[in-house]
Amino acid sequence: EKFVALRDPVMPKSKRERIVALSRATKRTKQQKGEIIQSIRDCIDMHTSCYVISFSNRRNVSFQPVRDHWRSSRFFCGKNKLMQIALGRSKENEHRENLQLISENLVHDNVLFVTSCGAEEVLKYFEELSTPDFARTGSAATEDFDLKEGVLEGMEFSMEPRLKALSLPVRLNNRKIELLGNISVCKVGQTLTAEQSSILKLFNRKTSVFSGKVLCYWENGKFTDLSTKNGVHP
């Protein structure tokens, strides 16, 4: 059987002037930054440990159950520079002993997790965390996905305009949607376009996995590095 590759959409360029809302680019004031730094320090003082966690395919809808599970704890995301300042960037200005070692790992999209729960419980939870999810635009396809010519079973006839908008050759026949040819939606390793990721979602193909990996943690002054197996820093 021959499958035709799905074409990348060509979007027309708008000739309209775009209006940018300057209010969205408002920077935090010095006072606001100071309040965030203090809130992180207060949280650490209230708990016994903190962890640096690297998540794969993190998005709000998949991350919320994790937050709900650890209601008595706190996650800090997306404020790397402020988190580093709060914990300290050197031995001389670290908030608590060895916290500067945690600070060094707060890079990229890594998340700071502050808790009083034991290390065994925390490590076990994140080691077992694995939730299937829909692939994002820009991520790599993890499997081949093809659609065969014929009736698209389980697809409501009202979805025909949506499928056509996604460049799929379809038509209505007796209130059923027919695909007018074999289509190769994506191949393993291919970077997914917005169109491809939308098609995967419409056909309920969860090809990504939301997971978390603990890189290191600090507990009552002791630092443990799990990323390079360097062990404990007393």
C-alpha atoms as a PDB file:
ATOM      1  CA  GLU A   1       0.000   0.000   0.000  1.00  0.00           C
ATOM      2  CA  LYS A   2       1.239   3.453  -0.835  1.00  0.00           C
ATOM      3  CA  PHE A   3       1.025   6.183   1.770  1.00  0.00           C
ATOM      4  CA  VAL A   4       1.184   9.852   0.849  1.00  0.00           C
ATOM      5  CA  ALA A   5       3.100  11.994   3.342  1.00  0.00           C
ATOM      6  CA  LEU A   6       1.129  14.765   4.967  1.00  0.00           C
ATOM      7  CA  ARG A   7       2.282  18.114   3.605  1.00  0.00           C
ATOM      8  CA  ASP A   8       3.510  20.868   5.872  1.00  0.00           C
ATOM      9  CA  PRO A   9       0.912  23.670   5.959  1.00  0.00           C
ATOM     10  CA  VAL A  10       1.849  26.879   4.141  1.00  0.00           C
ATOM     11  CA  MET A  11       0.408  29.791   6.070  1.00  0.00           C
ATOM     12  CA  PRO A  12      -0.377  33.027   4.200  1.00  0.00           C
ATOM     13  CA  LYS A  13       1.493  36.063   5.450  1.00  0.00           C
ATOM     14  CA  SER A  14      -0.680  38.717   7.017  1.00  0.00           C
ATOM     15  CA  LYS A  15      -0.286  42.251   5.700  1.00  0.00           C
ATOM     16  CA  ARG A  16      -1.892  43.743   8.777  1.00  0.00           C
ATOM     17  CA  GLU A  17       0.196  45.548  11.331  1.00  0.00           C
ATOM     18  CA  ARG A  18       0.496  43.569  14.511  1.00  0.00           C
ATOM     19  CA  ILE A  19      -0.268  45.283  17.804  1.00  0.00           C
ATOM     20  CA  VAL A  20       1.922  44.197  20.701  1.00  0.00           C
ATOM     21  CA  ALA A  21       0.555  44.648  24.212  1.00  0.00           C
ATOM     22  CA  LEU A  22       3.416  46.282  26.091  1.00  0.00           C
ATOM     23  CA  SER A  23       1.853  45.399  29.426  1.00  0.00           C
ATOM     24  CA  ARG A  24       2.731  41.735  28.819  1.00  0.00           C
ATOM     25  CA  ALA A  25       6.424  42.596  28.800  1.00  0.00           C
ATOM     26  CA  THR A  26       6.332  44.377  32.161  1.00  0.00           C
ATOM     27  CA  LYS A  27       9.341  43.316  34.194  1.00  0.00           C
ATOM     28  CA  ARG A  28       9.184  42.429  37.864  1.00  0.00           C
ATOM     29  CA  THR A  29      10.063  45.278  40.175  1.00  0.00           C
ATOM     30  CA  LYS A  30      12.927  44.982  42.627  1.00  0.00           C
ATOM     31  CA  GLN A  31      10.401  44.655  45.433  1.00  0.00           C
ATOM     32  CA  GLN A  32       8.542  41.834  43.691  1.00  0.00           C
ATOM     33  CA  LYS A  33      11.786  39.959  43.091  1.00  0.00           C
ATOM     34  CA  GLY A  34      12.719  40.402  46.731  1.00  0.00           C
ATOM     35  CA  GLU A  35       9.360  39.010  47.819  1.00  0.00           C
ATOM     36  CA  ILE A  36       9.797  35.920  45.614  1.00  0.00           C
ATOM     37  CA  ILE A  37      13.304  35.318  46.965  1.00  0.00           C
ATOM     38  CA  GLN A  38      12.060  35.650  50.545  1.00  0.00           C
ATOM     39  CA  SER A  39       9.104  33.330  49.915  1.00  0.00           C
ATOM     40  CA  ILE A  40      11.484  30.628  48.625  1.00  0.00           C
ATOM     41  CA  ARG A  41      13.723  31.015  51.670  1.00  0.00           C
ATOM     42  CA  ASP A  42      10.740  30.926  54.041  1.00  0.00           C
ATOM     43  CA  CYS A  43       9.496  27.757  52.368  1.00  0.00           C
ATOM     44  CA  ILE A  44      12.895  26.072  52.754  1.00  0.00           C
ATOM     45  CA  ASP A  45      13.009  27.066  56.433  1.00  0.00           C
ATOM     46  CA  MET A  46       9.571  25.471  56.935  1.00  0.00           C
ATOM     47  CA  HIS A  47      10.635  22.143  55.417  1.00  0.00           C
ATOM     48  CA  THR A  48      13.461  19.649  55.813  1.00  0.00           C
ATOM     49  CA  SER A  49      14.500  18.970  52.233  1.00  0.00           C
ATOM     50  CA  CYS A  50      14.484  20.193  48.634  1.00  0.00           C
ATOM     51  CA  TYR A  51      14.951  18.446  45.300  1.00  0.00           C
ATOM     52  CA  VAL A  52      15.893  19.431  41.760  1.00  0.00           C
ATOM     53  CA  ILE A  53      13.682  17.579  39.285  1.00  0.00           C
ATOM     54  CA  SER A  54      13.898  17.389  35.504  1.00  0.00           C
ATOM     55  CA  PHE A  55      10.528  16.726  33.869  1.00  0.00           C
ATOM     56  CA  SER A  56       9.920  15.410  30.370  1.00  0.00           C
ATOM     57  CA  ASN A  57       6.920  16.708  28.417  1.00  0.00           C
ATOM     58  CA  ARG A  58       5.668  18.832  31.303  1.00  0.00           C
ATOM     59  CA  ARG A  59       2.504  20.809  30.752  1.00  0.00           C
ATOM     60  CA  ASN A  60      -0.091  22.180  33.177  1.00  0.00           C
ATOM     61  CA  VAL A  61      -2.722  19.497  32.586  1.00  0.00           C
ATOM     62  CA  SER A  62      -0.269  16.666  33.348  1.00  0.00           C
ATOM     63  CA  PHE A  63       1.592  18.513  36.120  1.00  0.00           C
ATOM     64  CA  GLN A  64      -1.532  19.384  38.153  1.00  0.00           C
ATOM     65  CA  PRO A  65      -2.043  15.825  39.527  1.00  0.00           C
ATOM     66  CA  VAL A  66       1.565  15.924  40.776  1.00  0.00           C
ATOM     67  CA  ARG A  67       0.874  19.216  42.580  1.00  0.00           C
ATOM     68  CA  ASP A  68      -2.311  17.716  44.049  1.00  0.00           C
ATOM     69  CA  HIS A  69      -0.429  14.660  45.322  1.00  0.00           C
ATOM     70  CA  TRP A  70       2.116  16.856  47.150  1.00  0.00           C
ATOM     71  CA  ARG A  71      -0.302  19.443  48.584  1.00  0.00           C
ATOM     72  CA  SER A  72       1.741  19.967  51.748  1.00  0.00           C
ATOM     73  CA  SER A  73       4.893  20.610  49.701  1.00  0.00           C
ATOM     74  CA  ARG A  74       5.810  23.302  47.165  1.00  0.00           C
ATOM     75  CA  PHE A  75       7.062  23.408  43.562  1.00  0.00           C
ATOM     76  CA  PHE A  76       8.964  26.409  42.151  1.00  0.00           C
ATOM     77  CA  CYS A  77       9.208  26.623  38.348  1.00  0.00           C
ATOM     78  CA  GLY A  78      10.642  29.039  35.802  1.00  0.00           C
ATOM     79  CA  LYS A  79      12.438  31.444  38.124  1.00  0.00           C
ATOM     80  CA  ASN A  80      15.956  30.036  37.892  1.00  0.00           C
ATOM     81  CA  LYS A  81      17.875  33.230  38.621  1.00  0.00           C
ATOM     82  CA  LEU A  82      15.683  34.160  41.587  1.00  0.00           C
ATOM     83  CA  MET A  83      15.807  30.606  42.942  1.00  0.00           C
ATOM     84  CA  GLN A  84      19.610  30.615  42.668  1.00  0.00           C
ATOM     85  CA  ILE A  85      19.811  33.911  44.562  1.00  0.00           C
ATOM     86  CA  ALA A  86      17.404  32.623  47.220  1.00  0.00           C
ATOM     87  CA  LEU A  87      19.452  29.479  47.832  1.00  0.00           C
ATOM     88  CA  GLY A  88      22.814  31.135  47.315  1.00  0.00           C
ATOM     89  CA  ARG A  89      25.363  30.860  44.558  1.00  0.00           C
ATOM     90  CA  SER A  90      28.445  30.315  46.706  1.00  0.00           C
ATOM     91  CA  LYS A  91      29.518  29.056  50.125  1.00  0.00           C
ATOM     92  CA  GLU A  92      29.661  32.656  51.317  1.00  0.00           C
ATOM     93  CA  ASN A  93      26.056  33.574  50.525  1.00  0.00           C
ATOM     94  CA  GLU A  94      24.162  30.254  50.613  1.00  0.00           C
ATOM     95  CA  HIS A  95      20.963  30.400  52.684  1.00  0.00           C
ATOM     96  CA  ARG A  96      21.701  27.102  54.440  1.00  0.00           C
ATOM     97  CA  GLU A  97      24.747  24.847  54.371  1.00  0.00           C
ATOM     98  CA  ASN A  98      25.250  23.126  50.981  1.00  0.00           C
ATOM     99  CA  LEU A  99      22.256  24.811  49.326  1.00  0.00           C
ATOM    100  CA  GLN A 100      24.566  26.385  46.747  1.00  0.00           C
ATOM    101  CA  LEU A 101      25.009  22.837  45.384  1.00  0.00           C
ATOM    102  CA  ILE A 102      21.267  22.726  44.743  1.00  0.00           C
ATOM    103  CA  SER A 103      21.460  26.189  43.192  1.00  0.00           C
ATOM    104  CA  GLU A 104      24.024  24.998  40.633  1.00  0.00           C
ATOM    105  CA  ASN A 105      21.480  22.507  39.268  1.00  0.00           C
ATOM    106  CA  LEU A 106      18.647  25.000  38.797  1.00  0.00           C
ATOM    107  CA  VAL A 107      19.124  25.440  35.053  1.00  0.00           C
ATOM    108  CA  HIS A 108      16.968  25.071  31.926  1.00  0.00           C
ATOM    109  CA  ASP A 109      13.473  23.842  32.877  1.00  0.00           C
ATOM    110  CA  ASN A 110      14.508  22.105  36.084  1.00  0.00           C
ATOM    111  CA  VAL A 111      12.045  22.447  38.957  1.00  0.00           C
ATOM    112  CA  LEU A 112      12.738  23.076  42.658  1.00  0.00           C
ATOM    113  CA  PHE A 113      10.630  20.866  44.949  1.00  0.00           C
ATOM    114  CA  VAL A 114      10.547  21.709  48.674  1.00  0.00           C
ATOM    115  CA  THR A 115       9.077  19.184  51.110  1.00  0.00           C
ATOM    116  CA  SER A 116       9.282  17.563  54.525  1.00  0.00           C
ATOM    117  CA  CYS A 117       8.545  14.093  53.182  1.00  0.00           C
ATOM    118  CA  GLY A 118      11.273  11.480  53.380  1.00  0.00           C
ATOM    119  CA  ALA A 119      13.709  10.867  50.531  1.00  0.00           C
ATOM    120  CA  GLU A 120      12.594   7.251  50.073  1.00  0.00           C
ATOM    121  CA  GLU A 121       8.983   8.326  49.469  1.00  0.00           C
ATOM    122  CA  VAL A 122       9.933  11.170  47.116  1.00  0.00           C
ATOM    123  CA  LEU A 123      12.416   9.148  45.046  1.00  0.00           C
ATOM    124  CA  LYS A 124       9.994   6.227  44.698  1.00  0.00           C
ATOM    125  CA  TYR A 125       7.165   8.514  43.527  1.00  0.00           C
ATOM    126  CA  PHE A 126       9.157  10.227  40.783  1.00  0.00           C
ATOM    127  CA  GLU A 127      10.839   7.010  39.692  1.00  0.00           C
ATOM    128  CA  GLU A 128       7.373   5.526  39.071  1.00  0.00           C
ATOM    129  CA  LEU A 129       5.872   8.667  37.517  1.00  0.00           C
ATOM    130  CA  SER A 130       5.002   7.865  33.907  1.00  0.00           C
ATOM    131  CA  THR A 131       1.865   9.265  32.276  1.00  0.00           C
ATOM    132  CA  PRO A 132       1.035   8.899  28.553  1.00  0.00           C
ATOM    133  CA  ASP A 133       0.306  12.255  26.933  1.00  0.00           C
ATOM    134  CA  PHE A 134      -0.275  13.858  23.545  1.00  0.00           C
ATOM    135  CA  ALA A 135       2.841  14.927  21.681  1.00  0.00           C
ATOM    136  CA  ARG A 136       3.622  18.631  21.498  1.00  0.00           C
ATOM    137  CA  THR A 137       4.399  20.637  18.395  1.00  0.00           C
ATOM    138  CA  GLY A 138       8.166  20.613  17.894  1.00  0.00           C
ATOM    139  CA  SER A 139       8.733  17.307  19.675  1.00  0.00           C
ATOM    140  CA  ALA A 140      10.077  14.236  17.888  1.00  0.00           C
ATOM    141  CA  ALA A 141       7.610  11.584  16.750  1.00  0.00           C
ATOM    142  CA  THR A 142       8.109   8.354  18.699  1.00  0.00           C
ATOM    143  CA  GLU A 143       6.239   6.115  16.268  1.00  0.00           C
ATOM    144  CA  ASP A 144       5.022   5.903  12.681  1.00  0.00           C
ATOM    145  CA  PHE A 145       1.360   6.812  12.288  1.00  0.00           C
ATOM    146  CA  ASP A 146      -0.556   6.103   9.088  1.00  0.00           C
ATOM    147  CA  LEU A 147      -4.197   6.509   8.110  1.00  0.00           C
ATOM    148  CA  LYS A 148      -5.685   4.069   5.609  1.00  0.00           C
ATOM    149  CA  GLU A 149      -8.086   4.990   2.841  1.00  0.00           C
ATOM    150  CA  GLY A 150     -11.727   4.414   3.671  1.00  0.00           C
ATOM    151  CA  VAL A 151     -14.248   5.218   6.386  1.00  0.00           C
ATOM    152  CA  LEU A 152     -12.749   6.789   9.529  1.00  0.00           C
ATOM    153  CA  GLU A 153     -14.528   4.690  12.138  1.00  0.00           C
ATOM    154  CA  GLY A 154     -15.526   6.466  15.334  1.00  0.00           C
ATOM    155  CA  MET A 155     -15.084   9.934  13.816  1.00  0.00           C
ATOM    156  CA  GLU A 156     -18.249  12.076  14.013  1.00  0.00           C
ATOM    157  CA  PHE A 157     -19.400  13.479  10.647  1.00  0.00           C
ATOM    158  CA  SER A 158     -19.288  16.985  12.147  1.00  0.00           C
ATOM    159  CA  MET A 159     -15.489  16.694  12.271  1.00  0.00           C
ATOM    160  CA  GLU A 160     -15.163  16.800   8.482  1.00  0.00           C
ATOM    161  CA  PRO A 161     -14.370  20.578   8.303  1.00  0.00           C
ATOM    162  CA  ARG A 162     -11.776  20.173  11.047  1.00  0.00           C
ATOM    163  CA  LEU A 163     -10.067  17.306   9.217  1.00  0.00           C
ATOM    164  CA  LYS A 164     -10.046  19.257   5.962  1.00  0.00           C
ATOM    165  CA  ALA A 165      -8.486  22.209   7.779  1.00  0.00           C
ATOM    166  CA  LEU A 166      -5.698  19.818   8.791  1.00  0.00           C
ATOM    167  CA  SER A 167      -5.034  19.013   5.099  1.00  0.00           C
ATOM    168  CA  LEU A 168      -6.567  15.539   5.223  1.00  0.00           C
ATOM    169  CA  PRO A 169      -8.354  14.550   1.978  1.00  0.00           C
ATOM    170  CA  VAL A 170     -11.806  13.606   3.294  1.00  0.00           C
ATOM    171  CA  ARG A 171     -15.441  13.707   2.202  1.00  0.00           C
ATOM    172  CA  LEU A 172     -18.859  12.931   3.698  1.00  0.00           C
ATOM    173  CA  ASN A 173     -20.676   9.850   2.460  1.00  0.00           C
ATOM    174  CA  ASN A 174     -23.953   8.869   4.161  1.00  0.00           C
ATOM    175  CA  ARG A 175     -22.967  10.861   7.286  1.00  0.00           C
ATOM    176  CA  LYS A 176     -19.665   9.012   7.492  1.00  0.00           C
ATOM    177  CA  ILE A 177     -16.244  10.535   6.891  1.00  0.00           C
ATOM    178  CA  GLU A 178     -14.161   8.841   4.215  1.00  0.00           C
ATOM    179  CA  LEU A 179     -10.428   9.287   3.736  1.00  0.00           C
ATOM    180  CA  LEU A 180      -9.655   9.528   0.029  1.00  0.00           C
ATOM    181  CA  GLY A 181      -6.228   7.916   0.135  1.00  0.00           C
ATOM    182  CA  ASN A 182      -3.595   6.420   2.403  1.00  0.00           C
ATOM    183  CA  ILE A 183      -1.874   9.112   4.449  1.00  0.00           C
ATOM    184  CA  SER A 184       1.441   8.990   6.333  1.00  0.00           C
ATOM    185  CA  VAL A 185       0.887  11.425   9.189  1.00  0.00           C
ATOM    186  CA  CYS A 186       4.366  11.122  10.720  1.00  0.00           C
ATOM    187  CA  LYS A 187       7.493   8.962  10.915  1.00  0.00           C
ATOM    188  CA  VAL A 188       9.691   8.101  13.893  1.00  0.00           C
ATOM    189  CA  GLY A 189      12.156  10.888  14.645  1.00  0.00           C
ATOM    190  CA  GLN A 190      10.335  13.491  12.568  1.00  0.00           C
ATOM    191  CA  THR A 191       9.824  16.886  14.223  1.00  0.00           C
ATOM    192  CA  LEU A 192       6.069  17.283  14.594  1.00  0.00           C
ATOM    193  CA  THR A 193       4.288  20.275  13.105  1.00  0.00           C
ATOM    194  CA  ALA A 194       1.212  21.823  14.737  1.00  0.00           C
ATOM    195  CA  GLU A 195      -0.875  20.055  12.087  1.00  0.00           C
ATOM    196  CA  GLN A 196       0.615  16.636  12.800  1.00  0.00           C
ATOM    197  CA  SER A 197       0.296  16.941  16.589  1.00  0.00           C
ATOM    198  CA  SER A 198      -3.351  18.016  16.175  1.00  0.00           C
ATOM    199  CA  ILE A 199      -4.088  14.954  14.009  1.00  0.00           C
ATOM    200  CA  LEU A 200      -2.474  12.640  16.570  1.00  0.00           C
ATOM    201  CA  LYS A 201      -4.661  14.183  19.277  1.00  0.00           C
ATOM    202  CA  LEU A 202      -7.839  13.877  17.177  1.00  0.00           C
ATOM    203  CA  PHE A 203      -7.124  10.171  16.721  1.00  0.00           C
ATOM    204  CA  ASN A 204      -6.291   9.821  20.438  1.00  0.00           C
ATOM    205  CA  ARG A 205      -2.665   8.801  19.862  1.00  0.00           C
ATOM    206  CA  LYS A 206      -0.733   9.539  23.043  1.00  0.00           C
ATOM    207  CA  THR A 207       2.834   9.136  21.856  1.00  0.00           C
ATOM    208  CA  SER A 208       4.639  11.132  24.560  1.00  0.00           C
ATOM    209  CA  VAL A 209       5.254  10.291  28.217  1.00  0.00           C
ATOM    210  CA  PHE A 210       5.214  12.759  31.097  1.00  0.00           C
ATOM    211  CA  SER A 211       7.866  11.754  33.629  1.00  0.00           C
ATOM    212  CA  GLY A 212      10.184  13.211  36.240  1.00  0.00           C
ATOM    213  CA  LYS A 213      13.777  12.489  37.237  1.00  0.00           C
ATOM    214  CA  VAL A 214      15.343  13.607  40.508  1.00  0.00           C
ATOM    215  CA  LEU A 215      18.795  15.001  39.744  1.00  0.00           C
ATOM    216  CA  CYS A 216      19.869  15.816  43.301  1.00  0.00           C
ATOM    217  CA  TYR A 217      18.469  16.657  46.718  1.00  0.00           C
ATOM    218  CA  TRP A 218      19.308  18.414  49.986  1.00  0.00           C
ATOM    219  CA  GLU A 219      18.137  17.115  53.358  1.00  0.00           C
ATOM    220  CA  ASN A 220      18.947  18.784  56.672  1.00  0.00           C
ATOM    221  CA  GLY A 221      22.231  20.194  55.369  1.00  0.00           C
ATOM    222  CA  LYS A 222      23.343  17.108  53.432  1.00  0.00           C
ATOM    223  CA  PHE A 223      23.514  17.189  49.625  1.00  0.00           C
ATOM    224  CA  THR A 224      23.118  14.050  47.497  1.00  0.00           C
ATOM    225  CA  ASP A 225      23.937  14.090  43.773  1.00  0.00           C
ATOM    226  CA  LEU A 226      22.034  11.464  41.785  1.00  0.00           C
ATOM    227  CA  SER A 227      22.919  12.704  38.305  1.00  0.00           C
ATOM    228  CA  THR A 228      26.638  11.840  38.437  1.00  0.00           C
ATOM    229  CA  LYS A 229      26.638   9.403  41.354  1.00  0.00           C
ATOM    230  CA  ASN A 230      29.047  11.589  43.292  1.00  0.00           C
ATOM    231  CA  GLY A 231      27.299  10.641  46.513  1.00  0.00           C
ATOM    232  CA  VAL A 232      26.662  12.637  49.657  1.00  0.00           C
ATOM    233  CA  HIS A 233      28.238  15.979  50.588  1.00  0.00           C
ATOM    234  CA  PRO A 234      28.035  16.280  54.401  1.00  0.00           C
END
